[in-house]
């Protein structure tokens, strides 16, 4: 899971007299999935109830933290059925897993639990858990999900917030709303223009280490519309152990967390920001980028159809290098 990394540049909503017809700018916000959401949209009426209903629908399909959710029941072996939410996110996960060489894989759920970053406790060993890991060995059939192993578990948390942004955006469009920004825990979907009549401006945080509070310090501000934006980072959710600092990012290849701040650190990428057609794709690509070299992450993002990749990379002299690649 990712904490807040993208941070919405402050907006001053236009007064009611600037509305077109009976439309006005409305802001809806609240708590969901152990994080916060904020939706700013131009509409003829308050859609807060529909926003909450959409988020709840996604939660009851995809949240492994909800005992009665569809994915929790699949993980327990009580059903293998797949609804439209699970179908979309499963197929997207398989695609990004293939493009990333297996670095993105929601079946690492037992490993995330084992290392203390998940929704349950696991007492078995990482080596034995690896036999259960591999979303590309799972199948979507006419009847539902076919697991690699009966004990394979799914945790789509690394893509669900982005998907939730897309789901709310789709709902807003169905209600005739084309100008909006949806943010869930830092993942964003934007469409049309902002209250100022221009593309949306989004601040990307600099990777300042903090494990107990959110620190927002601007690395850059980007202008965007009609896209999804997501950032992943290793600097806000980690554990200090006898073997060093362990990131919450778990490698599906090694079965172990990414190590930080050591001579043999697994990754030099401190944060990855992706702009793609959907927030769901951006979310998954940003997560995978944290386990890859900068050149491999760039190749993956380009092949996936992303429009931009921004990497904050640590150097041998502990300085920060920003790699900004535009593909379209």
Protein backbone atom coordinates (compact mmCIF):
# COMPACT_ATOMS: atom_id res chain seq x y z
CA UNK A 1 0.00 0.00 0.00
CA UNK A 2 1.02 3.56 -0.58
CA UNK A 3 0.55 6.57 1.63
CA UNK A 4 -0.06 10.09 0.31
CA UNK A 5 2.62 10.90 -2.23
CA UNK A 6 0.80 12.98 -4.80
CA UNK A 7 -0.71 16.08 -3.27
CA UNK A 8 -3.32 18.23 -4.94
CA UNK A 9 -2.20 21.81 -5.52
CA UNK A 10 -4.51 24.09 -3.60
CA UNK A 11 -7.69 25.12 -5.41
CA UNK A 12 -10.00 28.00 -4.75
CA UNK A 13 -13.45 27.01 -5.97
CA UNK A 14 -15.14 29.60 -8.16
CA UNK A 15 -18.23 31.30 -6.74
CA UNK A 16 -21.70 30.18 -7.76
CA UNK A 17 -22.12 33.13 -10.17
CA UNK A 18 -19.39 31.64 -12.38
CA UNK A 19 -21.40 28.45 -12.95
CA UNK A 20 -22.65 27.53 -16.42
CA UNK A 21 -26.46 27.38 -16.22
CA UNK A 22 -27.33 25.57 -13.00
CA UNK A 23 -23.92 23.91 -12.77
CA UNK A 24 -21.49 24.75 -10.00
CA UNK A 25 -18.20 23.49 -8.60
CA UNK A 26 -18.70 21.03 -5.76
CA UNK A 27 -16.18 19.35 -3.47
CA UNK A 28 -16.92 16.01 -1.77
CA UNK A 29 -14.46 14.44 0.63
CA UNK A 30 -14.21 11.81 3.33
CA UNK A 31 -12.41 8.69 4.53
CA UNK A 32 -12.24 5.35 2.75
CA UNK A 33 -9.90 2.32 2.78
CA UNK A 34 -7.87 3.71 5.68
CA UNK A 35 -7.09 6.86 3.70
CA UNK A 36 -8.82 10.04 2.48
CA UNK A 37 -10.56 10.91 -0.75
CA UNK A 38 -11.48 14.23 -2.34
CA UNK A 39 -13.54 14.80 -5.46
CA UNK A 40 -13.84 18.22 -7.09
CA UNK A 41 -16.37 18.33 -9.93
CA UNK A 42 -18.56 20.64 -12.02
CA UNK A 43 -22.14 19.42 -11.92
CA UNK A 44 -25.77 20.45 -11.65
CA UNK A 45 -26.23 18.76 -8.30
CA UNK A 46 -24.50 17.14 -5.37
CA UNK A 47 -23.27 13.63 -6.27
CA UNK A 48 -21.76 12.84 -2.87
CA UNK A 49 -24.07 9.88 -2.26
CA UNK A 50 -23.19 8.37 -5.63
CA UNK A 51 -19.47 8.86 -4.92
CA UNK A 52 -19.76 7.03 -1.59
CA UNK A 53 -21.86 4.27 -3.17
CA UNK A 54 -19.27 3.77 -5.94
CA UNK A 55 -16.39 3.58 -3.48
CA UNK A 56 -18.31 1.15 -1.28
CA UNK A 57 -19.08 -1.04 -4.30
CA UNK A 58 -15.38 -1.20 -5.21
CA UNK A 59 -14.46 -1.91 -1.59
CA UNK A 60 -16.88 -4.81 -1.28
CA UNK A 61 -15.41 -6.31 -4.43
CA UNK A 62 -11.66 -5.75 -4.02
CA UNK A 63 -10.70 -4.99 -0.41
CA UNK A 64 -8.87 -7.83 1.37
CA UNK A 65 -9.40 -5.88 4.60
CA UNK A 66 -13.19 -6.38 4.34
CA UNK A 67 -14.08 -9.85 5.60
CA UNK A 68 -17.22 -10.03 3.43
CA UNK A 69 -15.70 -8.64 0.23
CA UNK A 70 -15.61 -10.76 -2.91
CA UNK A 71 -11.80 -10.96 -2.95
CA UNK A 72 -11.71 -12.03 0.72
CA UNK A 73 -14.17 -14.84 -0.02
CA UNK A 74 -12.08 -15.89 -3.02
CA UNK A 75 -8.95 -15.89 -0.86
CA UNK A 76 -10.69 -18.17 1.64
CA UNK A 77 -11.82 -20.50 -1.15
CA UNK A 78 -15.52 -19.83 -0.59
CA UNK A 79 -16.17 -18.76 -4.20
CA UNK A 80 -14.36 -18.34 -7.50
CA UNK A 81 -16.82 -15.93 -9.12
CA UNK A 82 -15.61 -12.61 -10.57
CA UNK A 83 -17.65 -9.41 -10.89
CA UNK A 84 -16.92 -6.60 -13.38
CA UNK A 85 -14.57 -4.82 -10.93
CA UNK A 86 -12.46 -7.91 -10.36
CA UNK A 87 -12.46 -8.81 -14.05
CA UNK A 88 -11.07 -5.41 -15.07
CA UNK A 89 -8.46 -5.24 -12.36
CA UNK A 90 -7.37 -8.86 -12.83
CA UNK A 91 -6.76 -8.43 -16.57
CA UNK A 92 -4.91 -5.15 -16.02
CA UNK A 93 -2.75 -6.79 -13.34
CA UNK A 94 -1.82 -9.67 -15.63
CA UNK A 95 -0.85 -7.23 -18.38
CA UNK A 96 1.35 -5.07 -16.13
CA UNK A 97 2.87 -8.20 -14.58
CA UNK A 98 3.92 -9.39 -18.03
CA UNK A 99 5.29 -5.97 -19.04
CA UNK A 100 7.25 -5.67 -15.78
CA UNK A 101 8.81 -9.11 -15.94
CA UNK A 102 6.75 -10.22 -12.94
CA UNK A 103 7.65 -7.24 -10.73
CA UNK A 104 3.96 -6.34 -10.37
CA UNK A 105 2.04 -9.24 -8.90
CA UNK A 106 -1.02 -8.99 -6.58
CA UNK A 107 -0.57 -12.63 -5.51
CA UNK A 108 2.29 -11.52 -3.23
CA UNK A 109 -0.41 -11.05 -0.56
CA UNK A 110 0.93 -13.83 1.74
CA UNK A 111 4.43 -12.35 1.46
CA UNK A 112 3.13 -8.88 2.33
CA UNK A 113 1.42 -10.44 5.34
CA UNK A 114 4.53 -12.38 6.32
CA UNK A 115 6.68 -9.25 6.37
CA UNK A 116 4.11 -7.35 8.47
CA UNK A 117 2.69 -4.95 5.87
CA UNK A 118 -0.58 -6.74 5.09
CA UNK A 119 -3.97 -7.67 6.48
CA UNK A 120 -3.09 -10.92 8.30
CA UNK A 121 -0.25 -12.73 10.06
CA UNK A 122 1.65 -15.61 8.42
CA UNK A 123 3.98 -18.02 10.19
CA UNK A 124 5.27 -20.09 7.27
CA UNK A 125 8.51 -19.26 5.43
CA UNK A 126 8.92 -16.98 2.39
CA UNK A 127 10.38 -19.85 0.36
CA UNK A 128 7.25 -21.97 0.80
CA UNK A 129 5.01 -18.97 0.10
CA UNK A 130 6.72 -18.46 -3.26
CA UNK A 131 5.00 -21.62 -4.52
CA UNK A 132 1.70 -19.72 -4.24
CA UNK A 133 2.84 -16.55 -6.04
CA UNK A 134 2.24 -15.88 -9.74
CA UNK A 135 -0.74 -14.02 -11.16
CA UNK A 136 0.27 -15.06 -14.67
CA UNK A 137 -0.35 -18.66 -13.56
CA UNK A 138 -3.91 -17.74 -12.59
CA UNK A 139 -6.76 -17.68 -15.10
CA UNK A 140 -9.98 -15.81 -15.71
CA UNK A 141 -12.50 -18.37 -16.97
CA UNK A 142 -16.17 -18.27 -17.95
CA UNK A 143 -17.08 -19.15 -14.38
CA UNK A 144 -14.58 -16.98 -12.49
CA UNK A 145 -11.02 -16.99 -11.17
CA UNK A 146 -8.83 -20.07 -11.39
CA UNK A 147 -5.97 -19.79 -8.88
CA UNK A 148 -2.42 -21.03 -9.36
CA UNK A 149 -2.79 -22.95 -6.08
CA UNK A 150 -5.76 -23.41 -3.72
CA UNK A 151 -3.91 -21.27 -1.14
CA UNK A 152 -3.00 -18.48 -3.57
CA UNK A 153 -4.31 -15.14 -2.29
CA UNK A 154 -4.89 -11.82 -4.02
CA UNK A 155 -4.22 -8.34 -2.68
CA UNK A 156 -4.94 -5.70 -5.29
CA UNK A 157 -4.19 -2.79 -2.94
CA UNK A 158 -1.38 -1.57 -5.22
CA UNK A 159 -3.89 -0.92 -7.99
CA UNK A 160 -7.27 -0.53 -6.25
CA UNK A 161 -6.98 3.15 -5.30
CA UNK A 162 -6.21 4.01 -8.90
CA UNK A 163 -9.10 1.85 -10.05
CA UNK A 164 -11.36 3.53 -7.50
CA UNK A 165 -10.47 6.92 -9.00
CA UNK A 166 -11.43 5.62 -12.44
CA UNK A 167 -14.69 4.14 -11.14
CA UNK A 168 -15.73 7.45 -9.58
CA UNK A 169 -14.69 9.27 -12.76
CA UNK A 170 -16.82 6.89 -14.85
CA UNK A 171 -19.79 7.54 -12.54
CA UNK A 172 -19.34 11.32 -12.88
CA UNK A 173 -19.28 11.03 -16.66
CA UNK A 174 -22.48 8.95 -16.63
CA UNK A 175 -24.05 11.85 -14.77
CA UNK A 176 -22.95 14.36 -17.42
CA UNK A 177 -19.93 15.67 -15.55
CA UNK A 178 -16.81 16.10 -17.70
CA UNK A 179 -14.73 18.43 -15.51
CA UNK A 180 -13.47 16.73 -12.36
CA UNK A 181 -10.55 15.63 -10.22
CA UNK A 182 -10.78 12.46 -8.15
CA UNK A 183 -8.08 11.79 -5.55
CA UNK A 184 -7.92 8.70 -3.32
CA UNK A 185 -4.91 8.49 -1.03
CA UNK A 186 -2.75 10.37 -3.51
CA UNK A 187 -3.81 8.56 -6.70
CA UNK A 188 -5.63 10.84 -9.13
CA UNK A 189 -7.95 10.84 -12.14
CA UNK A 190 -8.57 14.16 -13.92
CA UNK A 191 -10.85 15.20 -16.75
CA UNK A 192 -11.60 18.47 -18.50
CA UNK A 193 -10.50 21.65 -16.80
CA UNK A 194 -10.12 22.98 -13.26
CA UNK A 195 -12.24 25.70 -11.65
CA UNK A 196 -9.77 28.20 -13.12
CA UNK A 197 -10.62 27.13 -16.66
CA UNK A 198 -7.20 25.52 -17.24
CA UNK A 199 -5.79 21.99 -17.07
CA UNK A 200 -5.46 20.63 -13.54
CA UNK A 201 -2.21 21.39 -11.71
CA UNK A 202 -0.85 18.61 -9.49
CA UNK A 203 2.04 18.88 -7.07
CA UNK A 204 4.39 15.89 -6.86
CA UNK A 205 6.03 15.49 -3.47
CA UNK A 206 9.77 15.30 -3.02
CA UNK A 207 10.83 11.96 -1.44
CA UNK A 208 11.43 13.08 2.14
CA UNK A 209 11.76 10.16 4.54
CA UNK A 210 9.02 10.00 7.17
CA UNK A 211 7.46 6.88 8.68
CA UNK A 212 5.11 8.52 11.19
CA UNK A 213 3.72 11.61 9.44
CA UNK A 214 3.05 12.97 5.97
CA UNK A 215 5.44 15.65 4.79
CA UNK A 216 4.53 17.58 1.63
CA UNK A 217 7.42 19.36 -0.04
CA UNK A 218 7.14 20.18 -3.72
CA UNK A 219 9.43 18.37 -6.14
CA UNK A 220 7.55 19.71 -9.16
CA UNK A 221 4.09 20.72 -10.32
CA UNK A 222 2.64 19.13 -13.43
CA UNK A 223 -0.26 20.21 -15.64
CA UNK A 224 -2.60 17.43 -16.78
CA UNK A 225 -6.06 16.55 -18.01
CA UNK A 226 -7.95 13.48 -19.21
CA UNK A 227 -5.56 11.01 -17.58
CA UNK A 228 -4.65 9.06 -14.46
CA UNK A 229 -1.72 9.97 -12.23
CA UNK A 230 -0.11 7.86 -9.52
CA UNK A 231 3.05 7.94 -7.44
CA UNK A 232 4.70 5.16 -5.49
CA UNK A 233 7.58 5.51 -3.05
CA UNK A 234 9.63 3.54 -0.54
CA UNK A 235 10.35 6.38 1.85
CA UNK A 236 7.12 6.57 3.89
CA UNK A 237 6.23 3.00 4.78
CA UNK A 238 9.11 0.90 6.06
CA UNK A 239 10.29 -1.11 9.05
CA UNK A 240 13.58 -0.91 10.92
CA UNK A 241 14.94 -4.41 11.53
CA UNK A 242 18.16 -6.13 12.56
CA UNK A 243 19.02 -6.59 8.89
CA UNK A 244 18.37 -2.97 7.99
CA UNK A 245 15.51 -0.83 6.72
CA UNK A 246 12.86 -2.87 4.90
CA UNK A 247 10.46 -1.20 2.48
CA UNK A 248 6.79 -2.18 2.23
CA UNK A 249 7.49 -3.00 -1.44
CA UNK A 250 7.85 -6.79 -1.70
CA UNK A 251 9.61 -8.37 -4.68
CA UNK A 252 7.55 -11.15 -6.28
CA UNK A 253 10.84 -12.51 -7.65
CA UNK A 254 12.85 -12.80 -4.40
CA UNK A 255 9.96 -12.95 -1.93
CA UNK A 256 11.61 -10.29 0.22
CA UNK A 257 11.16 -6.57 0.86
CA UNK A 258 13.26 -4.02 -0.95
CA UNK A 259 16.16 -3.03 1.30
CA UNK A 260 16.93 0.65 1.78
CA UNK A 261 19.88 2.73 2.97
CA UNK A 262 22.51 0.01 2.77
CA UNK A 263 25.54 -0.44 0.57
CA UNK A 264 23.72 -3.23 -1.23
CA UNK A 265 20.30 -1.55 -1.47
CA UNK A 266 17.97 -3.27 -3.92
CA UNK A 267 16.79 -0.11 -5.63
CA UNK A 268 17.96 3.43 -6.31
CA UNK A 269 14.43 4.58 -7.20
CA UNK A 270 12.97 6.60 -4.32
CA UNK A 271 9.69 7.48 -6.01
CA UNK A 272 8.00 6.93 -9.34
CA UNK A 273 5.21 9.06 -10.80
CA UNK A 274 3.32 7.77 -13.82
CA UNK A 275 0.81 9.52 -16.08
CA UNK A 276 -1.30 7.07 -18.09
CA UNK A 277 -4.71 6.75 -19.72
CA UNK A 278 -6.22 5.50 -16.46
CA UNK A 279 -5.33 5.85 -12.80
CA UNK A 280 -5.50 2.06 -12.50
CA UNK A 281 -2.69 1.64 -15.05
CA UNK A 282 -0.67 4.49 -13.54
CA UNK A 283 -1.01 2.94 -10.08
CA UNK A 284 0.28 -0.48 -11.17
CA UNK A 285 3.10 0.92 -13.30
CA UNK A 286 4.30 3.19 -10.47
CA UNK A 287 4.37 0.22 -8.08
CA UNK A 288 6.34 -1.94 -10.50
CA UNK A 289 8.82 0.88 -11.15
CA UNK A 290 9.94 0.74 -7.52
CA UNK A 291 11.40 -2.73 -8.12
CA UNK A 292 13.13 -1.96 -11.39
CA UNK A 293 16.14 -0.08 -12.65
CA UNK A 294 15.36 3.36 -14.10
CA UNK A 295 16.02 2.15 -17.66
CA UNK A 296 13.79 -0.92 -17.22
CA UNK A 297 11.00 1.18 -15.67
CA UNK A 298 11.19 3.60 -18.59
CA UNK A 299 10.98 0.77 -21.13
CA UNK A 300 7.98 -0.74 -19.31
CA UNK A 301 6.10 2.56 -19.08
CA UNK A 302 6.72 3.30 -22.76
CA UNK A 303 5.51 -0.15 -23.85
CA UNK A 304 2.46 0.09 -21.57
CA UNK A 305 1.33 3.29 -23.31
CA UNK A 306 1.99 5.68 -20.44
CA UNK A 307 2.54 9.30 -21.43
CA UNK A 308 5.07 10.25 -18.76
CA UNK A 309 7.35 8.73 -16.11
CA UNK A 310 9.05 10.81 -13.42
CA UNK A 311 11.64 8.99 -11.29
CA UNK A 312 13.36 10.37 -8.20
CA UNK A 313 16.63 8.42 -8.02
CA UNK A 314 19.33 8.38 -5.35
CA UNK A 315 22.93 8.62 -6.53
CA UNK A 316 26.22 7.31 -5.14
CA UNK A 317 26.78 10.72 -3.51
CA UNK A 318 23.32 10.62 -1.83
CA UNK A 319 22.06 13.42 -4.05
CA UNK A 320 18.66 13.34 -5.77
CA UNK A 321 18.41 12.90 -9.52
CA UNK A 322 15.09 13.55 -11.31
CA UNK A 323 14.55 11.54 -14.50
CA UNK A 324 11.58 12.91 -16.45
CA UNK A 325 10.59 10.93 -19.57
CA UNK A 326 7.70 11.87 -21.88
CA UNK A 327 6.47 9.26 -24.37
CA UNK A 328 3.58 10.98 -26.18
